[in-house]
Amino acid sequence: MTHRKAVWVMVTAALLWSIAGVVSRHLEAARGFEVTFWRSGFNALALVVLLSWLKGPGPLWATLRGGGRALWLSGACWAVMYTAFMMALTLTSVANVLVTMSIGPLLTALLARAALGHRLAPRTWGAIAMAGVGIAWMYGHEVVGNDPKALLGTLVALAVPLAAAVNWTLLQHLKNHDTRPDMLAAVLLGALLSAAATLPLAWPLAASPHDLSLLALLGVVQLAIPCLLAVAAARVLSAPEVALLGLLETVFGVLWAWLGAGEAPQAAVLGGGALVLLALGANAWLGLRDGPSLRHPLG
């Protein structure tokens, strides 16, 4: 995969991830942990089919059995992201969740620098800072003054960028290891861990057939496919680059929730989201113009 194709793969992943909020707002009976259980369960089923088709069932299960600590750590990160994200959506608005998640690039860049010694280009720091301003702008107006339930949802959502920063940095570290396990299997492992952890808390199950169809859509189209795309893109892109492109999920997600579920964001959310897009676009353009940094135009 070329770098340019990897960028577009990551953009596609962000677009698919972004439909979770608007789809979840149309559920009839499923709530709380049950939403997470069904979504993770359908995700696991889809991943078994997709990965068995791509790799063959034998190599897939061999990787799960012998992947070692790196595979389990990445799987745990995916499980935290799956679980915390859907739980946060049941507690607060789509905008609050997505804006909170958007601190991921800041955390990823700092962790990659501390753990891997990455030296980031000035334009990357500038893009992260500019995106951070946009996020703070949205965050301040969306969270301050909300009720305790919404604030709890925001705190739960914080687990997503923390786990994502660890995961992307781990994937970046493994790029230089010839004996690294196939980390696509970690996406499946995370789904299995998330479903197993939330099933006891979700019982008794109350989802209607309508709910199950929407949760299956989330498990397959919103989760399984884009997560595999993101892991594939992370083999080419740098960790901060993956996180920055993932910010598009915030802008897309707020827009879908507004158009499809009536969750109209405040003017600050629109302004902050525009600032995030400007940061991404300017940084990519500067990277292409620099020439020698063409392989990593965002990092």
Protein backbone atom coordinates (compact mmCIF):
# COMPACT_ATOMS: atom_id res chain seq x y z
CA MET A 1 0.00 0.00 0.00
CA THR A 2 1.37 3.41 -0.95
CA HIS A 3 1.27 6.27 1.53
CA ARG A 4 -1.35 8.14 -0.47
CA LYS A 5 -3.62 5.08 -0.55
CA ALA A 6 -3.09 4.55 3.18
CA VAL A 7 -4.29 8.10 3.84
CA TRP A 8 -7.49 7.48 1.89
CA VAL A 9 -7.99 4.13 3.62
CA MET A 10 -7.79 5.90 6.99
CA VAL A 11 -10.23 8.60 5.84
CA THR A 12 -12.68 5.86 4.81
CA ALA A 13 -12.28 4.22 8.21
CA ALA A 14 -13.06 7.51 9.96
CA LEU A 15 -16.16 8.00 7.80
CA LEU A 16 -17.48 4.53 8.68
CA TRP A 17 -16.68 4.96 12.39
CA SER A 18 -18.64 8.21 12.43
CA ILE A 19 -22.08 6.63 11.90
CA ALA A 20 -22.22 5.09 15.40
CA GLY A 21 -23.83 8.07 17.11
CA VAL A 22 -26.66 8.64 14.67
CA VAL A 23 -27.47 4.92 14.37
CA SER A 24 -27.50 4.41 18.15
CA ARG A 25 -30.07 7.21 18.53
CA HIS A 26 -32.62 5.09 16.64
CA LEU A 27 -32.51 2.09 18.99
CA GLU A 28 -35.85 1.15 20.56
CA ALA A 29 -35.17 -0.99 23.64
CA ALA A 30 -31.47 -1.85 23.92
CA ARG A 31 -29.64 0.31 26.42
CA GLY A 32 -26.34 0.51 28.30
CA PHE A 33 -24.19 -2.60 28.38
CA GLU A 34 -26.55 -4.48 26.06
CA VAL A 35 -25.76 -2.06 23.24
CA THR A 36 -22.06 -2.72 23.69
CA PHE A 37 -22.53 -6.49 23.95
CA TRP A 38 -24.49 -6.84 20.71
CA ARG A 39 -22.25 -4.45 18.79
CA SER A 40 -19.09 -6.22 19.94
CA GLY A 41 -20.68 -9.63 19.35
CA PHE A 42 -21.68 -8.82 15.77
CA ASN A 43 -18.25 -7.27 15.30
CA ALA A 44 -16.58 -10.51 16.43
CA LEU A 45 -18.74 -12.63 14.10
CA ALA A 46 -17.94 -10.38 11.14
CA LEU A 47 -14.24 -10.42 11.94
CA VAL A 48 -14.14 -14.21 12.15
CA VAL A 49 -15.63 -14.38 8.63
CA LEU A 50 -13.47 -11.59 7.18
CA LEU A 51 -10.18 -12.70 8.73
CA SER A 52 -10.80 -16.36 7.92
CA TRP A 53 -11.41 -15.31 4.31
CA LEU A 54 -8.29 -13.12 4.22
CA LYS A 55 -5.89 -15.34 6.17
CA GLY A 56 -7.56 -18.74 6.38
CA PRO A 57 -9.04 -20.15 9.63
CA GLY A 58 -5.88 -22.05 10.55
CA PRO A 59 -3.47 -19.08 10.55
CA LEU A 60 -6.05 -16.89 12.32
CA TRP A 61 -6.45 -19.20 15.30
CA ALA A 62 -2.72 -19.90 15.37
CA THR A 63 -2.11 -16.15 15.67
CA LEU A 64 -4.66 -15.83 18.48
CA ARG A 65 -3.01 -18.69 20.37
CA GLY A 66 0.59 -17.61 19.89
CA GLY A 67 0.45 -13.85 19.40
CA GLY A 68 2.08 -13.08 22.73
CA ARG A 69 1.88 -9.98 24.91
CA ALA A 70 1.76 -7.48 22.05
CA LEU A 71 -1.35 -9.08 20.58
CA TRP A 72 -3.10 -9.23 23.96
CA LEU A 73 -2.18 -5.63 24.80
CA SER A 74 -3.55 -4.42 21.47
CA GLY A 75 -6.65 -6.58 21.94
CA ALA A 76 -7.22 -5.08 25.39
CA CYS A 77 -6.92 -1.58 23.90
CA TRP A 78 -9.51 -2.41 21.24
CA ALA A 79 -11.82 -3.85 23.92
CA VAL A 80 -11.57 -0.65 26.00
CA MET A 81 -12.29 1.48 22.93
CA TYR A 82 -15.29 -0.64 21.88
CA THR A 83 -16.80 -0.69 25.37
CA ALA A 84 -16.13 2.85 26.55
CA PHE A 85 -17.31 4.44 23.32
CA MET A 86 -20.77 2.87 23.29
CA MET A 87 -21.24 3.30 27.03
CA ALA A 88 -20.38 6.99 26.72
CA LEU A 89 -22.95 7.40 23.92
CA THR A 90 -25.67 6.11 26.25
CA LEU A 91 -24.75 8.73 28.85
CA THR A 92 -24.15 11.94 26.90
CA SER A 93 -24.46 13.55 23.48
CA VAL A 94 -22.69 12.39 20.35
CA ALA A 95 -20.82 15.70 20.18
CA ASN A 96 -19.53 15.38 23.75
CA VAL A 97 -18.24 11.86 23.12
CA LEU A 98 -16.58 12.62 19.79
CA VAL A 99 -15.04 15.88 20.96
CA THR A 100 -13.59 14.16 24.03
CA MET A 101 -12.16 11.40 21.83
CA SER A 102 -10.47 13.99 19.67
CA ILE A 103 -7.68 14.56 22.15
CA GLY A 104 -6.28 11.29 20.74
CA PRO A 105 -3.67 12.96 18.48
CA LEU A 106 -2.29 14.95 21.40
CA LEU A 107 -1.97 11.85 23.54
CA THR A 108 -0.60 9.73 20.70
CA ALA A 109 2.04 12.26 19.70
CA LEU A 110 3.22 12.65 23.29
CA LEU A 111 3.25 8.90 23.93
CA ALA A 112 5.05 8.15 20.65
CA ARG A 113 7.66 10.77 21.51
CA ALA A 114 8.14 9.43 25.05
CA ALA A 115 8.05 5.72 24.21
CA LEU A 116 9.57 5.63 20.73
CA GLY A 117 11.65 8.81 20.64
CA HIS A 118 9.79 10.20 17.62
CA ARG A 119 10.83 13.68 16.57
CA LEU A 120 7.84 15.32 14.97
CA ALA A 121 8.02 17.96 12.25
CA PRO A 122 7.10 21.51 13.37
CA ARG A 123 4.07 21.45 11.07
CA THR A 124 2.78 18.34 12.88
CA TRP A 125 3.03 20.03 16.25
CA GLY A 126 1.34 23.07 14.75
CA ALA A 127 -1.50 20.93 13.38
CA ILE A 128 -1.94 19.16 16.71
CA ALA A 129 -1.97 22.49 18.55
CA MET A 130 -4.47 23.99 16.11
CA ALA A 131 -6.70 20.93 16.31
CA GLY A 132 -6.41 21.10 20.11
CA VAL A 133 -7.70 24.67 20.08
CA GLY A 134 -10.68 23.59 18.02
CA ILE A 135 -11.36 20.69 20.34
CA ALA A 136 -11.10 22.89 23.44
CA TRP A 137 -13.47 25.35 21.84
CA MET A 138 -16.06 22.65 21.26
CA TYR A 139 -15.37 20.85 24.54
CA GLY A 140 -15.81 23.92 26.72
CA HIS A 141 -19.22 24.75 25.31
CA GLU A 142 -20.50 21.18 25.12
CA VAL A 143 -19.46 19.88 28.55
CA VAL A 144 -19.38 22.74 31.03
CA GLY A 145 -22.72 23.07 32.75
CA ASN A 146 -24.08 19.67 31.75
CA ASP A 147 -25.79 17.35 34.21
CA PRO A 148 -23.81 14.72 36.18
CA LYS A 149 -24.84 11.93 33.80
CA ALA A 150 -23.42 13.81 30.84
CA LEU A 151 -20.20 14.56 32.71
CA LEU A 152 -19.89 10.87 33.59
CA GLY A 153 -20.29 10.06 29.92
CA THR A 154 -17.47 12.44 29.10
CA LEU A 155 -15.20 10.79 31.65
CA VAL A 156 -16.01 7.35 30.23
CA ALA A 157 -15.26 8.67 26.74
CA LEU A 158 -11.77 9.69 27.91
CA ALA A 159 -10.84 6.00 28.04
CA VAL A 160 -11.14 5.82 24.24
CA PRO A 161 -8.30 8.22 23.28
CA LEU A 162 -6.12 6.86 26.09
CA ALA A 163 -6.46 3.30 24.80
CA ALA A 164 -6.12 4.47 21.19
CA ALA A 165 -2.85 6.28 21.96
CA VAL A 166 -1.38 3.11 23.47
CA ASN A 167 -2.63 1.01 20.56
CA TRP A 168 -1.33 3.23 17.73
CA THR A 169 2.03 3.64 19.45
CA LEU A 170 2.31 -0.12 19.93
CA LEU A 171 1.53 -0.72 16.24
CA GLN A 172 4.14 1.86 15.30
CA HIS A 173 6.71 0.13 17.52
CA LEU A 174 5.99 -3.27 15.97
CA LYS A 175 6.61 -1.99 12.45
CA ASN A 176 10.35 -2.49 12.99
CA HIS A 177 10.02 -6.06 14.30
CA ASP A 178 10.41 -8.87 11.77
CA THR A 179 8.71 -11.35 14.12
CA ARG A 180 5.67 -9.22 14.93
CA PRO A 181 2.32 -11.06 15.09
CA ASP A 182 -0.46 -10.29 12.65
CA MET A 183 -2.15 -7.46 14.54
CA LEU A 184 -5.37 -7.77 12.54
CA ALA A 185 -6.18 -10.62 14.93
CA ALA A 186 -6.04 -8.15 17.83
CA VAL A 187 -9.15 -6.42 16.44
CA LEU A 188 -11.03 -9.73 16.77
CA LEU A 189 -9.55 -10.37 20.20
CA GLY A 190 -10.77 -6.96 21.37
CA ALA A 191 -14.30 -7.70 20.15
CA LEU A 192 -14.35 -11.04 21.98
CA LEU A 193 -13.07 -9.48 25.21
CA SER A 194 -15.61 -6.65 25.02
CA ALA A 195 -18.55 -9.00 24.36
CA ALA A 196 -17.50 -11.38 27.14
CA ALA A 197 -17.08 -8.56 29.67
CA THR A 198 -20.42 -6.89 28.94
CA LEU A 199 -22.71 -9.93 28.56
CA PRO A 200 -23.19 -10.53 32.33
CA LEU A 201 -23.91 -6.81 32.81
CA ALA A 202 -26.34 -6.73 29.87
CA TRP A 203 -28.53 -9.60 31.07
CA PRO A 204 -31.52 -9.93 30.64
CA LEU A 205 -31.36 -8.92 26.99
CA ALA A 206 -34.16 -6.68 25.72
CA ALA A 207 -33.16 -5.71 22.16
CA SER A 208 -35.95 -5.79 19.58
CA PRO A 209 -35.47 -7.17 16.04
CA HIS A 210 -35.21 -3.54 14.88
CA ASP A 211 -32.44 -2.94 17.43
CA LEU A 212 -30.59 -6.10 16.41
CA SER A 213 -30.56 -5.02 12.77
CA LEU A 214 -29.07 -1.64 13.71
CA LEU A 215 -26.55 -3.20 16.10
CA ALA A 216 -25.53 -5.68 13.41
CA LEU A 217 -24.96 -2.71 11.08
CA LEU A 218 -22.76 -1.11 13.74
CA GLY A 219 -20.86 -4.31 14.42
CA VAL A 220 -20.06 -5.01 10.77
CA VAL A 221 -20.03 -1.72 8.82
CA GLN A 222 -19.21 0.75 11.58
CA LEU A 223 -16.70 -1.40 13.47
CA ALA A 224 -15.30 -4.57 11.86
CA ILE A 225 -14.55 -3.17 8.41
CA PRO A 226 -13.09 0.23 9.43
CA CYS A 227 -11.00 -1.26 12.23
CA LEU A 228 -9.37 -3.65 9.78
CA LEU A 229 -8.81 -0.74 7.41
CA ALA A 230 -7.22 1.32 10.20
CA VAL A 231 -4.83 -1.46 11.22
CA ALA A 232 -3.81 -1.92 7.57
CA ALA A 233 -3.25 1.83 7.18
CA ALA A 234 -1.22 1.93 10.41
CA ARG A 235 1.37 -0.32 8.76
CA VAL A 236 2.25 2.59 6.48
CA LEU A 237 1.28 5.73 8.43
CA SER A 238 2.95 7.11 11.53
CA ALA A 239 1.12 6.95 14.86
CA PRO A 240 0.39 10.71 15.07
CA GLU A 241 -0.73 10.65 11.43
CA VAL A 242 -3.26 7.88 12.10
CA ALA A 243 -4.60 9.80 15.09
CA LEU A 244 -4.86 13.08 13.17
CA LEU A 245 -6.78 11.48 10.30
CA GLY A 246 -9.00 9.77 12.86
CA LEU A 247 -10.11 13.25 13.93
CA LEU A 248 -12.34 13.31 10.87
CA GLU A 249 -14.63 10.95 12.76
CA THR A 250 -15.47 13.83 15.09
CA VAL A 251 -16.56 16.17 12.34
CA PHE A 252 -18.47 13.53 10.38
CA GLY A 253 -20.11 12.10 13.51
CA VAL A 254 -21.39 15.45 14.78
CA LEU A 255 -22.78 16.19 11.32
CA TRP A 256 -24.60 12.82 11.02
CA ALA A 257 -26.11 13.19 14.52
CA TRP A 258 -27.33 16.64 13.60
CA LEU A 259 -28.87 15.62 10.27
CA GLY A 260 -30.10 12.16 11.23
CA ALA A 261 -31.03 12.40 14.91
CA GLY A 262 -31.80 16.06 15.53
CA GLU A 263 -28.84 16.61 17.89
CA ALA A 264 -28.06 20.10 16.68
CA PRO A 265 -24.60 21.17 17.84
CA GLN A 266 -23.90 24.62 19.18
CA ALA A 267 -22.11 27.20 17.07
CA ALA A 268 -18.93 26.45 19.01
CA VAL A 269 -19.02 22.84 17.83
CA LEU A 270 -19.28 23.95 14.22
CA GLY A 271 -16.48 26.47 14.62
CA GLY A 272 -14.21 24.07 16.44
CA GLY A 273 -14.84 21.31 13.92
CA ALA A 274 -13.95 23.67 11.08
CA LEU A 275 -10.69 24.48 12.86
CA VAL A 276 -9.86 20.78 13.13
CA LEU A 277 -10.45 20.28 9.40
CA LEU A 278 -8.33 23.32 8.60
CA ALA A 279 -5.48 21.91 10.71
CA LEU A 280 -5.63 18.56 8.89
CA GLY A 281 -5.85 20.10 5.45
CA ALA A 282 -3.07 22.63 5.98
CA ASN A 283 -0.73 20.04 7.46
CA ALA A 284 -1.31 17.58 4.60
CA TRP A 285 -0.75 20.32 2.00
CA LEU A 286 2.48 21.44 3.67
CA GLY A 287 3.66 17.83 3.78
CA LEU A 288 3.07 17.37 0.06
CA ARG A 289 4.83 20.66 -0.73
CA ASP A 290 7.91 19.69 1.28
CA GLY A 291 8.83 16.95 -1.16
CA PRO A 292 11.35 14.92 0.93
CA SER A 293 8.62 14.23 3.50
CA LEU A 294 6.19 12.93 0.90
CA ARG A 295 5.95 9.52 2.56
CA HIS A 296 4.73 11.09 5.79
CA PRO A 297 2.95 14.34 4.91
CA LEU A 298 1.35 14.59 8.34
CA GLY A 299 4.34 13.55 10.41
